[in-house]
Amino acid sequence: MRYFFTCDFDGSGYVGWQRQLNGLSVQQEIEEKISLIMRTPIGISGCGRTDAGVHGTDYVFHADVETIEDLEPFLFKLNQILPEGIWIKSARKVSPTAHARFNARSRQYRYSINLSKSPLSRQYAWTYPLLRTADRELLQVTAAMLTQITHFGSFRKQRSVNKTTICKISHCRWEFNEDQYILHISSNRFLRGMVRLIVGACINVAMGKITLDQLKEDIATEQILPYAWSVPARGLMFTGVEYVDIE
């Protein structure tokens, strides 16, 4: 039986969602604990990858397990043995062909920037007081421009291998608060490191380090941006996923 699970996780100290050879991942933690409860090796598939240090809320993964007669006690037991930084919120049966990654229509992220030091939120936001001097209008215009393009080769990590750099951003907008700026972004897919590079590019334009026209020209060539700025991972959080045809 296939189940979709929804979880929250603190990405601090993990190499990302996906299993890797160079350290402990969120996926590995969950697989090991589910396997322990089910008394058989269980593999899980997530709705997407996250970089090291990136957090997640309402992140979805699927697993094929024997029928769970009562989900509430099962989830309670699972959460009791998972680390405090990972919490499984819910689970539901889906079609045997439903896939957490391949049936995803869009994924959402947010990037949070504190304008002043905040000891209580520093783990989930990047502190950058200089952003107060940025042009808010240019931040918004740059973000809106990204919804009009389809090739994002300029927003990929160096040495990344991608079958395609085509993405469709459906929403990209800044939210301005007194002490925090937040970028909300949704797309059908994201390249590795893409969101953090987008945040850096928006800031570079808004602070006059490059012009919007220069950024557009660089994007058109799909070359790595000459002023590429991958902002710190701790400010980035996966915030949700939308699905089609999973029942």
Protein backbone atom coordinates (compact mmCIF):
# COMPACT_ATOMS: atom_id res chain seq x y z
CA MET A 1 0.00 0.00 0.00
CA ARG A 2 1.31 3.46 -0.91
CA TYR A 3 1.02 6.34 1.54
CA PHE A 4 1.75 10.05 1.21
CA PHE A 5 3.33 11.46 4.37
CA THR A 6 3.60 15.16 5.22
CA CYS A 7 6.42 16.35 7.46
CA ASP A 8 8.28 19.35 8.85
CA PHE A 9 12.02 19.35 9.34
CA ASP A 10 14.80 21.58 10.59
CA GLY A 11 17.55 21.22 8.00
CA SER A 12 20.33 22.39 10.33
CA GLY A 13 23.03 19.75 10.52
CA TYR A 14 21.72 17.72 7.58
CA VAL A 15 23.24 17.46 4.09
CA GLY A 16 19.79 18.04 2.64
CA TRP A 17 16.69 15.95 2.09
CA GLN A 18 18.15 13.30 -0.21
CA ARG A 19 20.47 10.48 0.88
CA GLN A 20 24.12 11.27 0.18
CA LEU A 21 27.46 9.68 0.90
CA ASN A 22 28.95 12.74 2.57
CA GLY A 23 26.70 12.97 5.60
CA LEU A 24 23.35 12.41 7.27
CA SER A 25 20.20 13.39 5.36
CA VAL A 26 16.58 13.88 6.42
CA GLN A 27 15.56 11.04 4.10
CA GLN A 28 17.99 8.64 5.78
CA GLU A 29 16.69 9.52 9.26
CA ILE A 30 13.08 8.83 8.26
CA GLU A 31 13.86 5.67 6.30
CA GLU A 32 15.76 4.16 9.20
CA LYS A 33 12.97 4.88 11.69
CA ILE A 34 10.12 3.64 9.46
CA SER A 35 12.12 0.50 8.71
CA LEU A 36 12.61 -0.04 12.43
CA ILE A 37 8.87 0.14 13.11
CA MET A 38 7.88 -1.96 10.09
CA ARG A 39 10.69 -4.46 10.78
CA THR A 40 11.71 -4.48 7.13
CA PRO A 41 13.79 -2.13 4.93
CA ILE A 42 11.60 0.73 3.66
CA GLY A 43 12.64 3.29 1.05
CA ILE A 44 10.90 6.64 0.68
CA SER A 45 10.68 9.14 -2.20
CA GLY A 46 10.47 12.87 -1.55
CA CYS A 47 8.74 15.59 -3.54
CA GLY A 48 12.05 17.30 -4.27
CA ARG A 49 15.59 17.90 -3.12
CA THR A 50 16.74 20.53 -0.65
CA ASP A 51 20.28 21.76 -0.12
CA ALA A 52 22.24 21.30 3.09
CA GLY A 53 20.84 23.49 5.86
CA VAL A 54 17.52 24.22 4.11
CA HIS A 55 14.35 23.69 6.16
CA GLY A 56 10.96 22.28 5.19
CA THR A 57 7.32 22.52 6.20
CA ASP A 58 4.49 20.53 4.60
CA TYR A 59 7.10 18.52 2.74
CA VAL A 60 5.64 15.37 1.16
CA PHE A 61 7.18 11.94 0.63
CA HIS A 62 5.70 8.56 -0.23
CA ALA A 63 6.42 5.05 1.02
CA ASP A 64 5.16 1.59 0.12
CA VAL A 65 4.35 -0.29 3.32
CA GLU A 66 1.92 -2.87 4.60
CA THR A 67 -1.52 -1.49 5.34
CA ILE A 68 -1.47 0.68 8.47
CA GLU A 69 -4.66 -0.16 10.34
CA ASP A 70 -4.58 2.89 12.60
CA LEU A 71 -2.54 5.86 11.43
CA GLU A 72 -2.61 7.91 14.63
CA PRO A 73 -0.76 5.39 16.85
CA PHE A 74 1.65 4.65 14.00
CA LEU A 75 2.56 8.32 13.58
CA PHE A 76 2.86 8.76 17.33
CA LYS A 77 5.31 5.86 17.56
CA LEU A 78 7.28 7.12 14.56
CA ASN A 79 7.57 10.64 15.95
CA GLN A 80 8.72 9.32 19.31
CA ILE A 81 11.84 7.79 17.77
CA LEU A 82 12.60 10.48 15.19
CA PRO A 83 14.99 13.33 16.13
CA GLU A 84 13.31 16.46 17.49
CA GLY A 85 14.09 18.30 14.27
CA ILE A 86 11.81 16.04 12.20
CA TRP A 87 8.05 15.69 12.68
CA ILE A 88 5.63 13.59 10.60
CA LYS A 89 2.36 15.52 10.58
CA SER A 90 0.01 13.27 8.63
CA ALA A 91 -0.33 10.29 6.30
CA ARG A 92 -2.93 9.09 3.82
CA LYS A 93 -3.45 6.27 1.36
CA VAL A 94 -3.03 7.12 -2.32
CA SER A 95 -3.08 5.31 -5.63
CA PRO A 96 -0.25 2.76 -6.08
CA THR A 97 0.96 4.84 -9.06
CA ALA A 98 0.92 8.20 -7.24
CA HIS A 99 4.42 9.65 -6.92
CA ALA A 100 5.50 12.35 -4.47
CA ARG A 101 7.91 13.85 -6.98
CA PHE A 102 6.56 13.10 -10.45
CA ASN A 103 2.94 14.04 -9.73
CA ALA A 104 3.89 17.40 -8.27
CA ARG A 105 2.47 20.32 -10.25
CA SER A 106 4.26 23.05 -8.32
CA ARG A 107 6.47 23.56 -5.30
CA GLN A 108 6.75 26.59 -3.05
CA TYR A 109 9.63 28.12 -1.11
CA ARG A 110 10.16 31.23 0.95
CA TYR A 111 13.40 33.00 1.78
CA SER A 112 13.48 35.13 4.94
CA ILE A 113 15.90 37.99 5.60
CA ASN A 114 16.09 39.77 8.96
CA LEU A 115 17.01 43.45 8.80
CA SER A 116 18.23 43.42 12.39
CA LYS A 117 19.71 40.77 14.66
CA SER A 118 17.11 38.38 16.02
CA PRO A 119 18.41 35.68 18.37
CA LEU A 120 15.08 33.82 18.32
CA SER A 121 14.82 33.47 14.53
CA ARG A 122 18.44 33.47 13.39
CA GLN A 123 18.30 29.74 12.65
CA TYR A 124 15.50 30.26 10.10
CA ALA A 125 16.44 33.60 8.56
CA TRP A 126 19.54 35.32 7.21
CA THR A 127 20.43 38.59 8.95
CA TYR A 128 21.45 41.30 6.47
CA PRO A 129 20.95 44.87 7.79
CA LEU A 130 22.36 46.43 4.59
CA LEU A 131 19.19 45.38 2.78
CA ARG A 132 17.51 48.41 4.38
CA THR A 133 19.31 50.51 1.75
CA ALA A 134 17.95 48.44 -1.13
CA ASP A 135 15.39 49.77 -3.60
CA ARG A 136 12.17 47.92 -2.71
CA GLU A 137 10.62 48.63 -6.09
CA LEU A 138 13.61 47.11 -7.89
CA LEU A 139 13.44 44.04 -5.66
CA GLN A 140 9.82 43.55 -6.71
CA VAL A 141 10.42 44.32 -10.39
CA THR A 142 13.33 41.88 -10.57
CA ALA A 143 11.26 39.16 -8.96
CA ALA A 144 8.36 39.78 -11.35
CA MET A 145 10.72 39.63 -14.34
CA LEU A 146 11.63 36.06 -13.44
CA THR A 147 8.05 34.92 -14.04
CA GLN A 148 8.46 35.92 -17.70
CA ILE A 149 11.44 33.70 -18.51
CA THR A 150 11.70 29.95 -18.96
CA HIS A 151 15.43 29.10 -19.08
CA PHE A 152 17.24 29.28 -15.74
CA GLY A 153 20.69 28.02 -16.62
CA SER A 154 22.17 31.13 -15.00
CA PHE A 155 20.64 30.13 -11.66
CA ARG A 156 22.31 26.78 -11.13
CA LYS A 157 25.23 25.76 -9.01
CA GLN A 158 28.54 25.36 -10.76
CA ARG A 159 29.24 21.79 -11.87
CA SER A 160 25.56 20.92 -11.50
CA VAL A 161 24.29 18.49 -14.12
CA ASN A 162 20.73 19.17 -15.27
CA LYS A 163 18.87 17.43 -18.08
CA THR A 164 17.05 20.71 -18.69
CA THR A 165 17.16 24.22 -17.28
CA ILE A 166 13.58 24.99 -18.26
CA CYS A 167 11.41 26.02 -15.32
CA LYS A 168 8.15 27.92 -15.10
CA ILE A 169 7.90 30.26 -12.13
CA SER A 170 4.23 31.00 -11.48
CA HIS A 171 4.73 33.32 -8.52
CA CYS A 172 7.71 35.36 -7.33
CA ARG A 173 7.06 38.26 -4.99
CA TRP A 174 8.63 40.01 -2.05
CA GLU A 175 6.80 40.66 1.20
CA PHE A 176 8.03 43.65 3.19
CA ASN A 177 7.74 43.90 6.97
CA GLU A 178 9.36 46.38 9.35
CA ASP A 179 12.22 44.07 10.29
CA GLN A 180 12.05 41.33 7.68
CA TYR A 181 11.91 40.86 3.92
CA ILE A 182 10.54 37.56 2.58
CA LEU A 183 10.61 36.24 -0.97
CA HIS A 184 7.77 33.84 -1.85
CA ILE A 185 8.35 31.76 -4.97
CA SER A 186 6.48 28.92 -6.72
CA SER A 187 7.57 26.90 -9.75
CA ASN A 188 6.91 23.60 -11.47
CA ARG A 189 10.53 22.66 -10.72
CA PHE A 190 13.69 24.15 -9.22
CA LEU A 191 17.31 23.64 -10.16
CA ARG A 192 19.81 22.90 -7.41
CA GLY A 193 20.65 26.15 -5.60
CA MET A 194 18.23 28.11 -7.79
CA VAL A 195 16.25 29.97 -5.13
CA ARG A 196 19.29 31.16 -3.19
CA LEU A 197 20.88 32.49 -6.39
CA ILE A 198 17.62 34.23 -7.33
CA VAL A 199 17.54 35.98 -3.94
CA GLY A 200 21.15 37.07 -4.42
CA ALA A 201 20.42 38.41 -7.92
CA CYS A 202 17.41 40.39 -6.69
CA ILE A 203 19.53 41.98 -3.97
CA ASN A 204 22.37 42.78 -6.39
CA VAL A 205 19.96 44.67 -8.66
CA ALA A 206 18.15 46.42 -5.81
CA MET A 207 21.45 47.58 -4.28
CA GLY A 208 22.87 48.84 -7.59
CA LYS A 209 25.62 46.24 -8.01
CA ILE A 210 24.23 45.30 -11.42
CA THR A 211 21.44 46.71 -13.56
CA LEU A 212 18.25 44.90 -14.41
CA ASP A 213 19.23 45.02 -18.09
CA GLN A 214 22.59 43.40 -17.30
CA LEU A 215 20.81 40.62 -15.42
CA LYS A 216 18.44 40.05 -18.33
CA GLU A 217 21.38 39.81 -20.76
CA ASP A 218 23.17 37.31 -18.53
CA ILE A 219 20.02 35.20 -18.22
CA ALA A 220 19.60 35.17 -22.01
CA THR A 221 23.05 33.59 -22.43
CA GLU A 222 22.36 30.98 -19.70
CA GLN A 223 25.87 31.47 -18.40
CA ILE A 224 26.67 31.43 -14.70
CA LEU A 225 26.05 34.97 -13.44
CA PRO A 226 29.30 37.00 -13.15
CA TYR A 227 28.07 38.40 -9.83
CA ALA A 228 26.42 35.17 -8.69
CA TRP A 229 25.52 35.32 -5.01
CA SER A 230 24.19 32.21 -3.27
CA VAL A 231 22.77 33.56 -0.01
CA PRO A 232 22.99 31.41 3.17
CA ALA A 233 20.87 28.24 3.32
CA ARG A 234 19.34 28.89 6.74
CA GLY A 235 16.94 31.52 5.37
CA LEU A 236 15.37 29.12 2.88
CA MET A 237 12.35 26.96 3.64
CA PHE A 238 10.34 24.59 1.48
CA THR A 239 6.71 25.54 2.20
CA GLY A 240 4.46 23.25 0.16
CA VAL A 241 3.64 21.24 -2.93
CA GLU A 242 0.57 20.93 -5.16
CA TYR A 243 -0.44 17.68 -6.84
CA VAL A 244 -2.45 16.32 -9.73
CA ASP A 245 -3.82 12.79 -10.20
CA ILE A 246 -2.76 11.20 -6.91
CA GLU A 247 -6.02 9.63 -5.71
